Amino acid sequence: MSNTQHWFIVKLSTGNCEIIPSDEVTEENDPEIIEQWGPFTSQGEAIARRVGLIRSGKCQPV
């Protein structure tokens, strides 16, 4: 098993997007998640992508 952590951006029903580690992604168990992007190899990359999603109107700023 790899020790590499991957990150996802998930869009919640509120319109906000959060960055979460791959081991916390449970779309089937969380009806709040309506869309997701990733995986990203670093948290920094996920943050940069989230900024782009906010600028493009796909996510609301926190």
C-alpha atoms as a PDB file:
ATOM      1  CA  MET A   1       0.000   0.000   0.000  1.00  0.00           C
ATOM      2  CA  SER A   2       1.268   3.469  -0.860  1.00  0.00           C
ATOM      3  CA  ASN A   3       1.922   6.143   1.752  1.00  0.00           C
ATOM      4  CA  THR A   4       1.141   8.869  -0.772  1.00  0.00           C
ATOM      5  CA  GLN A   5      -1.781  11.022   0.340  1.00  0.00           C
ATOM      6  CA  HIS A   6      -4.190  12.186  -2.346  1.00  0.00           C
ATOM      7  CA  TRP A   7      -6.634  15.062  -2.008  1.00  0.00           C
ATOM      8  CA  PHE A   8     -10.078  15.725  -3.425  1.00  0.00           C
ATOM      9  CA  ILE A   9     -12.188  18.840  -3.779  1.00  0.00           C
ATOM     10  CA  VAL A  10     -15.812  18.155  -2.904  1.00  0.00           C
ATOM     11  CA  LYS A  11     -18.725  20.486  -3.536  1.00  0.00           C
ATOM     12  CA  LEU A  12     -21.310  20.433  -0.773  1.00  0.00           C
ATOM     13  CA  SER A  13     -25.022  21.112  -1.169  1.00  0.00           C
ATOM     14  CA  THR A  14     -24.390  24.581   0.305  1.00  0.00           C
ATOM     15  CA  GLY A  15     -22.285  25.452  -2.769  1.00  0.00           C
ATOM     16  CA  ASN A  16     -19.029  25.583  -0.803  1.00  0.00           C
ATOM     17  CA  CYS A  17     -16.085  23.410  -1.789  1.00  0.00           C
ATOM     18  CA  GLU A  18     -13.852  21.694   0.734  1.00  0.00           C
ATOM     19  CA  ILE A  19     -10.524  19.954   0.346  1.00  0.00           C
ATOM     20  CA  ILE A  20     -10.421  16.558   2.001  1.00  0.00           C
ATOM     21  CA  PRO A  21      -7.948  13.660   2.041  1.00  0.00           C
ATOM     22  CA  SER A  22      -8.803  10.654  -0.101  1.00  0.00           C
ATOM     23  CA  ASP A  23      -9.473   8.446   2.929  1.00  0.00           C
ATOM     24  CA  GLU A  24     -12.374  10.738   3.925  1.00  0.00           C
ATOM     25  CA  VAL A  25     -14.111  10.677   0.529  1.00  0.00           C
ATOM     26  CA  THR A  26     -17.345   8.761   1.051  1.00  0.00           C
ATOM     27  CA  GLU A  27     -19.731  10.130  -1.537  1.00  0.00           C
ATOM     28  CA  GLU A  28     -22.108   7.208  -1.049  1.00  0.00           C
ATOM     29  CA  ASN A  29     -22.321   7.929   2.677  1.00  0.00           C
ATOM     30  CA  ASP A  30     -22.472  11.727   2.491  1.00  0.00           C
ATOM     31  CA  PRO A  31     -25.513  13.147   0.692  1.00  0.00           C
ATOM     32  CA  GLU A  32     -24.044  16.644   1.191  1.00  0.00           C
ATOM     33  CA  ILE A  33     -21.464  15.965  -1.559  1.00  0.00           C
ATOM     34  CA  ILE A  34     -22.924  16.852  -4.947  1.00  0.00           C
ATOM     35  CA  GLU A  35     -19.735  16.999  -7.039  1.00  0.00           C
ATOM     36  CA  GLN A  36     -16.052  16.159  -6.640  1.00  0.00           C
ATOM     37  CA  TRP A  37     -12.755  16.759  -8.409  1.00  0.00           C
ATOM     38  CA  GLY A  38      -9.458  14.952  -8.052  1.00  0.00           C
ATOM     39  CA  PRO A  39      -7.411  13.155  -6.955  1.00  0.00           C
ATOM     40  CA  PHE A  40      -4.619  15.687  -6.567  1.00  0.00           C
ATOM     41  CA  THR A  41      -1.148  14.662  -5.412  1.00  0.00           C
ATOM     42  CA  SER A  42      -0.704  17.532  -2.962  1.00  0.00           C
ATOM     43  CA  GLN A  43      -2.903  19.703  -0.803  1.00  0.00           C
ATOM     44  CA  GLY A  44      -1.331  22.777  -2.422  1.00  0.00           C
ATOM     45  CA  GLU A  45      -2.416  21.627  -5.875  1.00  0.00           C
ATOM     46  CA  ALA A  46      -5.958  21.043  -4.588  1.00  0.00           C
ATOM     47  CA  ILE A  47      -6.026  24.548  -3.068  1.00  0.00           C
ATOM     48  CA  ALA A  48      -4.924  26.080  -6.374  1.00  0.00           C
ATOM     49  CA  ARG A  49      -7.612  24.128  -8.248  1.00  0.00           C
ATOM     50  CA  ARG A  50     -10.265  25.209  -5.730  1.00  0.00           C
ATOM     51  CA  VAL A  51      -9.327  28.845  -6.362  1.00  0.00           C
ATOM     52  CA  GLY A  52      -9.895  28.205 -10.055  1.00  0.00           C
ATOM     53  CA  LEU A  53     -13.277  26.611  -9.358  1.00  0.00           C
ATOM     54  CA  ILE A  54     -14.297  29.615  -7.255  1.00  0.00           C
ATOM     55  CA  ARG A  55     -13.202  32.026  -9.993  1.00  0.00           C
ATOM     56  CA  SER A  56     -15.122  30.077 -12.623  1.00  0.00           C
ATOM     57  CA  GLY A  57     -18.273  30.155 -10.477  1.00  0.00           C
ATOM     58  CA  LYS A  58     -18.452  26.407  -9.795  1.00  0.00           C
ATOM     59  CA  CYS A  59     -17.829  26.873  -6.044  1.00  0.00           C
ATOM     60  CA  GLN A  60     -18.730  29.550  -3.536  1.00  0.00           C
ATOM     61  CA  PRO A  61     -15.937  31.082  -1.448  1.00  0.00           C
ATOM     62  CA  VAL A  62     -15.921  29.955   2.182  1.00  0.00           C
END
